[in-house]
N, C-alpha and C. Protein backbone atom coordinates (compact mmCIF):
# COMPACT_ATOMS: atom_id res chain seq x y z
N MET A 1 31.91 -3.30 19.99
CA MET A 1 30.87 -3.08 20.97
C MET A 1 29.86 -2.07 20.40
N ARG A 2 28.59 -2.30 20.65
CA ARG A 2 27.52 -1.44 20.15
C ARG A 2 27.55 -0.07 20.84
N GLN A 3 27.39 0.98 20.05
CA GLN A 3 27.36 2.35 20.59
C GLN A 3 25.95 2.65 21.09
N ARG A 4 25.83 3.11 22.34
CA ARG A 4 24.54 3.50 22.89
C ARG A 4 24.08 4.82 22.29
N LYS A 5 22.79 4.94 22.09
CA LYS A 5 22.22 6.19 21.63
C LYS A 5 22.11 7.14 22.81
N SER A 6 22.51 8.39 22.61
CA SER A 6 22.45 9.37 23.68
C SER A 6 21.00 9.74 23.97
N PRO A 7 20.64 9.86 25.26
CA PRO A 7 19.29 10.28 25.60
C PRO A 7 19.09 11.79 25.47
N ARG A 8 20.16 12.55 25.19
CA ARG A 8 20.05 14.00 25.05
C ARG A 8 19.49 14.35 23.67
N LEU A 9 18.84 15.49 23.57
CA LEU A 9 18.29 15.98 22.32
C LEU A 9 19.45 16.35 21.39
N ALA A 10 19.51 15.70 20.25
CA ALA A 10 20.61 15.91 19.31
C ALA A 10 20.68 17.38 18.88
N GLY A 11 21.88 17.93 18.96
CA GLY A 11 22.11 19.29 18.49
C GLY A 11 21.69 20.39 19.45
N TYR A 12 21.12 20.03 20.60
CA TYR A 12 20.67 21.05 21.55
C TYR A 12 21.82 21.44 22.47
N ASN A 13 21.94 22.71 22.75
CA ASN A 13 22.98 23.22 23.65
C ASN A 13 22.42 23.26 25.07
N TYR A 14 22.81 22.31 25.89
CA TYR A 14 22.29 22.19 27.26
C TYR A 14 22.90 23.21 28.23
N ALA A 15 23.63 24.20 27.70
CA ALA A 15 24.09 25.32 28.52
C ALA A 15 23.17 26.53 28.31
N LEU A 16 22.21 26.41 27.39
CA LEU A 16 21.29 27.51 27.14
C LEU A 16 20.43 27.78 28.36
N PRO A 17 20.14 29.05 28.63
CA PRO A 17 19.22 29.37 29.72
C PRO A 17 17.86 28.71 29.47
N GLY A 18 17.28 28.19 30.54
CA GLY A 18 15.97 27.57 30.42
C GLY A 18 15.65 26.71 31.61
N ALA A 19 14.50 26.05 31.51
CA ALA A 19 14.04 25.15 32.56
C ALA A 19 14.16 23.72 32.08
N TYR A 20 14.63 22.85 32.97
CA TYR A 20 14.87 21.45 32.63
C TYR A 20 14.27 20.54 33.70
N PHE A 21 13.51 19.55 33.26
CA PHE A 21 12.98 18.52 34.15
C PHE A 21 13.95 17.36 34.11
N VAL A 22 14.37 16.90 35.28
CA VAL A 22 15.37 15.84 35.39
C VAL A 22 14.83 14.68 36.21
N THR A 23 15.08 13.47 35.75
CA THR A 23 14.80 12.24 36.51
C THR A 23 16.09 11.43 36.53
N ILE A 24 16.49 10.99 37.73
CA ILE A 24 17.67 10.14 37.87
C ILE A 24 17.24 8.90 38.65
N ASN A 25 17.50 7.74 38.07
CA ASN A 25 17.14 6.48 38.72
C ASN A 25 18.30 5.93 39.55
N ASN A 26 17.94 5.25 40.61
CA ASN A 26 18.95 4.57 41.42
C ASN A 26 19.45 3.34 40.67
N LYS A 27 20.67 2.96 40.95
CA LYS A 27 21.27 1.77 40.35
C LYS A 27 20.42 0.56 40.69
N ASN A 28 20.07 -0.23 39.68
CA ASN A 28 19.29 -1.45 39.85
C ASN A 28 17.97 -1.21 40.59
N SER A 29 17.40 -0.02 40.42
CA SER A 29 16.13 0.36 41.07
C SER A 29 16.18 0.20 42.58
N GLY A 30 17.35 0.41 43.16
CA GLY A 30 17.50 0.31 44.62
C GLY A 30 16.58 1.26 45.35
N MET A 31 15.96 0.77 46.39
CA MET A 31 15.00 1.56 47.18
C MET A 31 15.74 2.23 48.34
N TRP A 32 16.56 3.23 48.04
CA TRP A 32 17.47 3.77 49.03
C TRP A 32 17.02 5.07 49.67
N PHE A 33 16.00 5.73 49.13
CA PHE A 33 15.67 7.07 49.61
C PHE A 33 14.45 7.11 50.53
N GLY A 34 13.86 5.98 50.82
CA GLY A 34 12.70 5.96 51.71
C GLY A 34 11.65 4.99 51.20
N GLU A 35 10.41 5.24 51.59
CA GLU A 35 9.31 4.39 51.16
C GLU A 35 8.03 5.21 51.09
N VAL A 36 7.08 4.69 50.34
CA VAL A 36 5.75 5.30 50.27
C VAL A 36 4.82 4.41 51.08
N ILE A 37 4.19 5.00 52.08
CA ILE A 37 3.23 4.28 52.92
C ILE A 37 1.86 4.88 52.62
N GLY A 38 1.01 4.05 52.04
CA GLY A 38 -0.27 4.57 51.55
C GLY A 38 0.03 5.50 50.39
N ILE A 39 -0.19 6.79 50.59
CA ILE A 39 0.19 7.76 49.57
C ILE A 39 1.19 8.78 50.14
N ASP A 40 1.73 8.49 51.31
CA ASP A 40 2.66 9.40 51.98
C ASP A 40 4.10 8.94 51.79
N LEU A 41 4.95 9.87 51.37
CA LEU A 41 6.37 9.58 51.20
C LEU A 41 7.07 9.73 52.54
N MET A 42 7.78 8.70 52.95
CA MET A 42 8.56 8.71 54.18
C MET A 42 10.03 8.64 53.77
N THR A 43 10.68 9.79 53.72
CA THR A 43 12.07 9.88 53.31
C THR A 43 12.99 9.44 54.45
N ASN A 44 14.01 8.65 54.12
CA ASN A 44 14.98 8.24 55.13
C ASN A 44 16.20 9.16 55.08
N ARG A 45 17.27 8.80 55.77
CA ARG A 45 18.45 9.68 55.82
C ARG A 45 19.09 9.86 54.45
N TYR A 46 19.04 8.82 53.61
CA TYR A 46 19.62 8.96 52.27
C TYR A 46 18.75 9.86 51.39
N GLY A 47 17.45 9.77 51.55
CA GLY A 47 16.55 10.67 50.84
C GLY A 47 16.74 12.11 51.28
N SER A 48 17.01 12.30 52.57
CA SER A 48 17.29 13.64 53.09
C SER A 48 18.60 14.19 52.51
N ILE A 49 19.58 13.32 52.34
CA ILE A 49 20.84 13.72 51.71
C ILE A 49 20.59 14.16 50.27
N ALA A 50 19.80 13.36 49.54
CA ALA A 50 19.48 13.71 48.14
C ALA A 50 18.79 15.06 48.07
N SER A 51 17.87 15.33 48.98
CA SER A 51 17.15 16.61 49.02
C SER A 51 18.09 17.77 49.36
N ALA A 52 18.94 17.57 50.36
CA ALA A 52 19.87 18.63 50.78
C ALA A 52 20.85 18.98 49.66
N CYS A 53 21.34 17.97 48.96
CA CYS A 53 22.27 18.22 47.86
C CYS A 53 21.58 18.97 46.73
N TRP A 54 20.31 18.66 46.47
CA TRP A 54 19.55 19.38 45.44
C TRP A 54 19.43 20.85 45.83
N SER A 55 19.09 21.08 47.07
CA SER A 55 18.93 22.46 47.55
C SER A 55 20.22 23.26 47.50
N SER A 56 21.37 22.58 47.56
CA SER A 56 22.65 23.29 47.59
C SER A 56 23.28 23.48 46.20
N ILE A 57 22.58 23.12 45.15
CA ILE A 57 23.14 23.24 43.80
C ILE A 57 23.59 24.67 43.52
N THR A 58 22.82 25.66 43.94
CA THR A 58 23.16 27.05 43.67
C THR A 58 24.49 27.45 44.31
N GLU A 59 24.86 26.82 45.42
CA GLU A 59 26.14 27.12 46.06
C GLU A 59 27.32 26.78 45.15
N HIS A 60 27.13 25.79 44.31
CA HIS A 60 28.19 25.33 43.41
C HIS A 60 28.05 25.92 42.02
N TYR A 61 26.83 26.20 41.62
CA TYR A 61 26.52 26.77 40.31
C TYR A 61 25.59 27.96 40.52
N PRO A 62 26.14 29.15 40.70
CA PRO A 62 25.32 30.33 41.02
C PRO A 62 24.27 30.67 39.97
N ASN A 63 24.47 30.22 38.74
CA ASN A 63 23.51 30.52 37.69
C ASN A 63 22.46 29.41 37.52
N VAL A 64 22.42 28.47 38.45
CA VAL A 64 21.43 27.39 38.41
C VAL A 64 20.55 27.48 39.66
N THR A 65 19.25 27.48 39.43
CA THR A 65 18.29 27.54 40.53
C THR A 65 17.47 26.27 40.56
N PRO A 66 17.55 25.51 41.65
CA PRO A 66 16.70 24.32 41.77
C PRO A 66 15.26 24.74 42.09
N ASP A 67 14.34 24.03 41.51
CA ASP A 67 12.91 24.27 41.73
C ASP A 67 12.37 23.05 42.48
N VAL A 68 11.15 22.64 42.19
CA VAL A 68 10.55 21.51 42.91
C VAL A 68 11.43 20.27 42.78
N PHE A 69 11.38 19.44 43.81
CA PHE A 69 12.22 18.25 43.88
C PHE A 69 11.51 17.22 44.74
N ILE A 70 11.71 15.95 44.39
CA ILE A 70 11.24 14.88 45.25
C ILE A 70 12.18 13.68 45.13
N ALA A 71 12.53 13.10 46.26
CA ALA A 71 13.33 11.88 46.30
C ALA A 71 12.36 10.74 46.58
N MET A 72 12.02 10.01 45.55
CA MET A 72 11.17 8.83 45.68
C MET A 72 12.06 7.66 46.14
N PRO A 73 11.47 6.53 46.50
CA PRO A 73 12.30 5.42 46.99
C PRO A 73 13.44 5.02 46.05
N ASN A 74 13.18 5.01 44.73
CA ASN A 74 14.21 4.52 43.81
C ASN A 74 14.59 5.50 42.69
N HIS A 75 14.21 6.75 42.83
CA HIS A 75 14.58 7.75 41.83
C HIS A 75 14.31 9.16 42.38
N ILE A 76 14.83 10.15 41.67
CA ILE A 76 14.51 11.54 42.03
C ILE A 76 13.92 12.23 40.81
N HIS A 77 13.09 13.22 41.07
CA HIS A 77 12.58 14.13 40.04
C HIS A 77 12.88 15.54 40.51
N GLY A 78 13.23 16.41 39.59
CA GLY A 78 13.41 17.81 39.94
C GLY A 78 13.44 18.68 38.71
N ILE A 79 13.25 19.97 38.95
CA ILE A 79 13.33 20.96 37.88
C ILE A 79 14.48 21.89 38.21
N LEU A 80 15.28 22.20 37.21
CA LEU A 80 16.38 23.14 37.34
C LEU A 80 16.22 24.27 36.34
N PHE A 81 16.50 25.49 36.79
CA PHE A 81 16.54 26.65 35.90
C PHE A 81 18.00 27.04 35.71
N ILE A 82 18.44 27.08 34.46
CA ILE A 82 19.79 27.52 34.16
C ILE A 82 19.70 28.92 33.54
N ALA A 83 20.41 29.88 34.14
CA ALA A 83 20.48 31.24 33.63
C ALA A 83 21.78 31.41 32.86
N ASP A 84 21.96 32.57 32.23
CA ASP A 84 23.23 32.85 31.56
C ASP A 84 24.38 32.64 32.54
N ALA A 85 25.46 32.06 32.06
CA ALA A 85 26.61 31.78 32.91
C ALA A 85 27.24 33.06 33.43
N ILE A 86 27.51 33.06 34.72
CA ILE A 86 28.17 34.20 35.36
C ILE A 86 29.67 34.08 35.14
N GLU A 87 30.18 32.88 35.27
CA GLU A 87 31.61 32.64 35.09
C GLU A 87 31.92 32.54 33.60
N THR A 88 33.18 32.38 33.27
CA THR A 88 33.58 32.35 31.87
C THR A 88 33.16 31.07 31.17
N LYS A 89 33.13 29.98 31.89
CA LYS A 89 32.77 28.70 31.28
C LYS A 89 31.27 28.44 31.48
N PRO A 90 30.54 28.15 30.40
CA PRO A 90 29.11 27.89 30.55
C PRO A 90 28.84 26.65 31.40
N THR A 91 27.72 26.67 32.08
CA THR A 91 27.28 25.55 32.89
C THR A 91 26.29 24.73 32.07
N THR A 92 26.58 23.44 31.90
CA THR A 92 25.64 22.59 31.16
C THR A 92 24.81 21.77 32.15
N LEU A 93 23.68 21.31 31.68
CA LEU A 93 22.83 20.45 32.50
C LEU A 93 23.60 19.21 32.93
N GLY A 94 24.37 18.62 32.03
CA GLY A 94 25.15 17.43 32.36
C GLY A 94 26.16 17.67 33.48
N MET A 95 26.78 18.85 33.48
CA MET A 95 27.72 19.20 34.55
C MET A 95 27.00 19.24 35.89
N VAL A 96 25.84 19.88 35.92
CA VAL A 96 25.10 20.03 37.16
C VAL A 96 24.63 18.67 37.67
N VAL A 97 24.07 17.86 36.79
CA VAL A 97 23.58 16.54 37.20
C VAL A 97 24.74 15.66 37.66
N GLY A 98 25.85 15.69 36.93
CA GLY A 98 27.02 14.89 37.33
C GLY A 98 27.55 15.30 38.70
N SER A 99 27.61 16.60 38.94
CA SER A 99 28.06 17.10 40.24
C SER A 99 27.08 16.71 41.35
N TYR A 100 25.79 16.81 41.06
CA TYR A 100 24.76 16.42 42.03
C TYR A 100 24.90 14.94 42.39
N LYS A 101 25.00 14.10 41.38
CA LYS A 101 25.12 12.66 41.62
C LYS A 101 26.37 12.34 42.46
N ALA A 102 27.47 13.01 42.15
CA ALA A 102 28.71 12.78 42.90
C ALA A 102 28.55 13.23 44.35
N ALA A 103 27.92 14.37 44.57
CA ALA A 103 27.73 14.88 45.94
C ALA A 103 26.85 13.94 46.76
N VAL A 104 25.76 13.48 46.18
CA VAL A 104 24.88 12.56 46.90
C VAL A 104 25.62 11.27 47.22
N THR A 105 26.34 10.74 46.26
CA THR A 105 27.10 9.50 46.48
C THR A 105 28.12 9.69 47.61
N ARG A 106 28.85 10.78 47.57
CA ARG A 106 29.87 11.06 48.61
C ARG A 106 29.22 11.14 49.99
N GLU A 107 28.12 11.88 50.09
CA GLU A 107 27.44 12.06 51.39
C GLU A 107 26.81 10.75 51.87
N MET A 108 26.24 9.96 50.96
CA MET A 108 25.65 8.68 51.37
C MET A 108 26.72 7.73 51.87
N ARG A 109 27.87 7.70 51.20
CA ARG A 109 28.96 6.82 51.66
C ARG A 109 29.47 7.26 53.02
N ALA A 110 29.54 8.57 53.24
CA ALA A 110 29.96 9.08 54.55
C ALA A 110 28.96 8.70 55.63
N ALA A 111 27.69 8.49 55.23
CA ALA A 111 26.64 8.11 56.18
C ALA A 111 26.49 6.59 56.30
N GLY A 112 27.38 5.83 55.63
CA GLY A 112 27.37 4.38 55.79
C GLY A 112 26.86 3.57 54.62
N PHE A 113 26.44 4.20 53.54
CA PHE A 113 25.97 3.46 52.38
C PHE A 113 27.14 2.79 51.69
N ASP A 114 26.96 1.52 51.30
CA ASP A 114 28.02 0.78 50.63
C ASP A 114 27.47 0.25 49.32
N GLY A 115 27.87 0.85 48.22
CA GLY A 115 27.40 0.39 46.92
C GLY A 115 27.27 1.53 45.94
N GLU A 116 26.80 1.19 44.74
CA GLU A 116 26.57 2.20 43.71
C GLU A 116 25.20 2.82 43.93
N VAL A 117 25.13 4.12 43.84
CA VAL A 117 23.88 4.83 44.10
C VAL A 117 23.05 4.99 42.83
N TRP A 118 23.68 5.44 41.75
CA TRP A 118 22.94 5.90 40.59
C TRP A 118 23.08 5.00 39.36
N HIS A 119 22.04 4.98 38.57
CA HIS A 119 22.09 4.47 37.20
C HIS A 119 23.02 5.41 36.45
N GLY A 120 23.71 4.93 35.45
CA GLY A 120 24.70 5.73 34.74
C GLY A 120 24.15 6.94 34.00
N ARG A 121 22.91 6.90 33.60
CA ARG A 121 22.34 7.97 32.79
C ARG A 121 21.28 8.73 33.57
N PHE A 122 20.72 9.75 32.94
CA PHE A 122 19.58 10.45 33.51
C PHE A 122 18.65 10.87 32.39
N TYR A 123 17.41 11.11 32.74
CA TYR A 123 16.40 11.54 31.79
C TYR A 123 16.22 13.04 31.96
N ASP A 124 16.10 13.75 30.84
CA ASP A 124 15.79 15.18 30.93
C ASP A 124 14.70 15.53 29.93
N HIS A 125 14.04 16.62 30.24
CA HIS A 125 13.03 17.18 29.34
C HIS A 125 13.18 18.69 29.38
N ILE A 126 13.32 19.30 28.22
CA ILE A 126 13.43 20.75 28.13
C ILE A 126 12.03 21.33 28.26
N ILE A 127 11.83 22.18 29.25
CA ILE A 127 10.51 22.77 29.50
C ILE A 127 10.42 24.06 28.68
N ARG A 128 9.42 24.13 27.81
CA ARG A 128 9.36 25.22 26.84
C ARG A 128 8.29 26.27 27.13
N THR A 129 7.29 25.95 27.94
CA THR A 129 6.21 26.91 28.20
C THR A 129 5.87 26.95 29.69
N GLN A 130 5.22 28.01 30.11
CA GLN A 130 4.76 28.13 31.50
C GLN A 130 3.75 27.04 31.83
N GLU A 131 2.88 26.74 30.88
CA GLU A 131 1.88 25.68 31.06
C GLU A 131 2.55 24.34 31.33
N GLU A 132 3.57 24.05 30.55
CA GLU A 132 4.32 22.80 30.72
C GLU A 132 5.03 22.77 32.07
N LEU A 133 5.61 23.92 32.46
CA LEU A 133 6.27 24.01 33.76
C LEU A 133 5.29 23.70 34.89
N GLU A 134 4.11 24.26 34.85
CA GLU A 134 3.11 24.01 35.90
C GLU A 134 2.65 22.55 35.90
N ARG A 135 2.49 21.95 34.72
CA ARG A 135 2.09 20.55 34.62
C ARG A 135 3.16 19.64 35.22
N ILE A 136 4.43 19.91 34.92
CA ILE A 136 5.52 19.08 35.43
C ILE A 136 5.70 19.28 36.93
N ARG A 137 5.55 20.51 37.41
CA ARG A 137 5.60 20.74 38.86
C ARG A 137 4.54 19.91 39.57
N ALA A 138 3.33 19.91 39.03
CA ALA A 138 2.25 19.12 39.63
C ALA A 138 2.58 17.63 39.59
N TYR A 139 3.17 17.17 38.50
CA TYR A 139 3.58 15.77 38.37
C TYR A 139 4.57 15.39 39.47
N VAL A 140 5.57 16.24 39.69
CA VAL A 140 6.60 15.97 40.71
C VAL A 140 5.97 15.91 42.09
N ILE A 141 5.17 16.90 42.41
CA ILE A 141 4.54 16.99 43.74
C ILE A 141 3.59 15.83 43.99
N ASP A 142 2.91 15.37 42.92
CA ASP A 142 1.90 14.32 43.04
C ASP A 142 2.48 12.90 42.95
N ASN A 143 3.78 12.79 42.75
CA ASN A 143 4.40 11.49 42.54
C ASN A 143 4.14 10.46 43.63
N PRO A 144 4.22 10.82 44.93
CA PRO A 144 3.94 9.81 45.97
C PRO A 144 2.52 9.25 45.91
N ARG A 145 1.54 10.09 45.60
CA ARG A 145 0.16 9.60 45.50
C ARG A 145 0.02 8.60 44.37
N ARG A 146 0.59 8.91 43.22
CA ARG A 146 0.51 7.99 42.07
C ARG A 146 1.23 6.68 42.39
N TRP A 147 2.39 6.77 43.05
CA TRP A 147 3.14 5.57 43.46
C TRP A 147 2.28 4.71 44.38
N GLY A 148 1.68 5.35 45.39
CA GLY A 148 0.85 4.62 46.35
C GLY A 148 -0.33 3.94 45.69
N GLU A 149 -0.94 4.62 44.73
CA GLU A 149 -2.09 4.02 44.02
C GLU A 149 -1.64 2.87 43.13
N LYS A 150 -0.47 3.01 42.52
CA LYS A 150 0.03 1.98 41.60
C LYS A 150 0.57 0.76 42.35
N TYR A 151 1.35 1.01 43.39
CA TYR A 151 2.05 -0.08 44.08
C TYR A 151 1.52 -0.38 45.47
N GLY A 152 0.53 0.38 45.92
CA GLY A 152 0.04 0.20 47.28
C GLY A 152 1.12 0.53 48.29
N GLY A 153 2.04 1.45 47.89
CA GLY A 153 3.11 1.86 48.80
C GLY A 153 4.35 0.99 48.68
N GLU A 154 4.32 -0.05 47.87
CA GLU A 154 5.48 -0.94 47.73
C GLU A 154 5.77 -1.20 46.27
N VAL A 155 6.98 -1.69 46.00
CA VAL A 155 7.33 -2.11 44.64
C VAL A 155 7.74 -3.56 44.70
């Protein structure tokens, strides 16, 4: 069987303190988190679960601070800041994302969702400058408008 290439930056330590931009797609591009009407995002109960779980990341990982976040109909975008580990074991970006995906899946199933929530992988980008951080924050916040212009609110 063919070995998949890892989407992570080769040789990079994802437990290092820093800012990370994360995108996670829904399984089969499922439109589970709401819809965009015009340029306005209308989040449903599953989108609210995704948002609440993002906000609670610090409860599980005290050295991780969630920043801007948006649950689009078929994916999420967010920024995470990882600080030096407080506990003995370092916290990696993969640990945080895996825990987040599991929490959202668990809560969605408890709310009646039946099926797979997430695509197996996630996209990340290491944010290296304040300028880049501000550009990515604007991208996340502006996502519903771009979606609405591209798809007219639908996919």
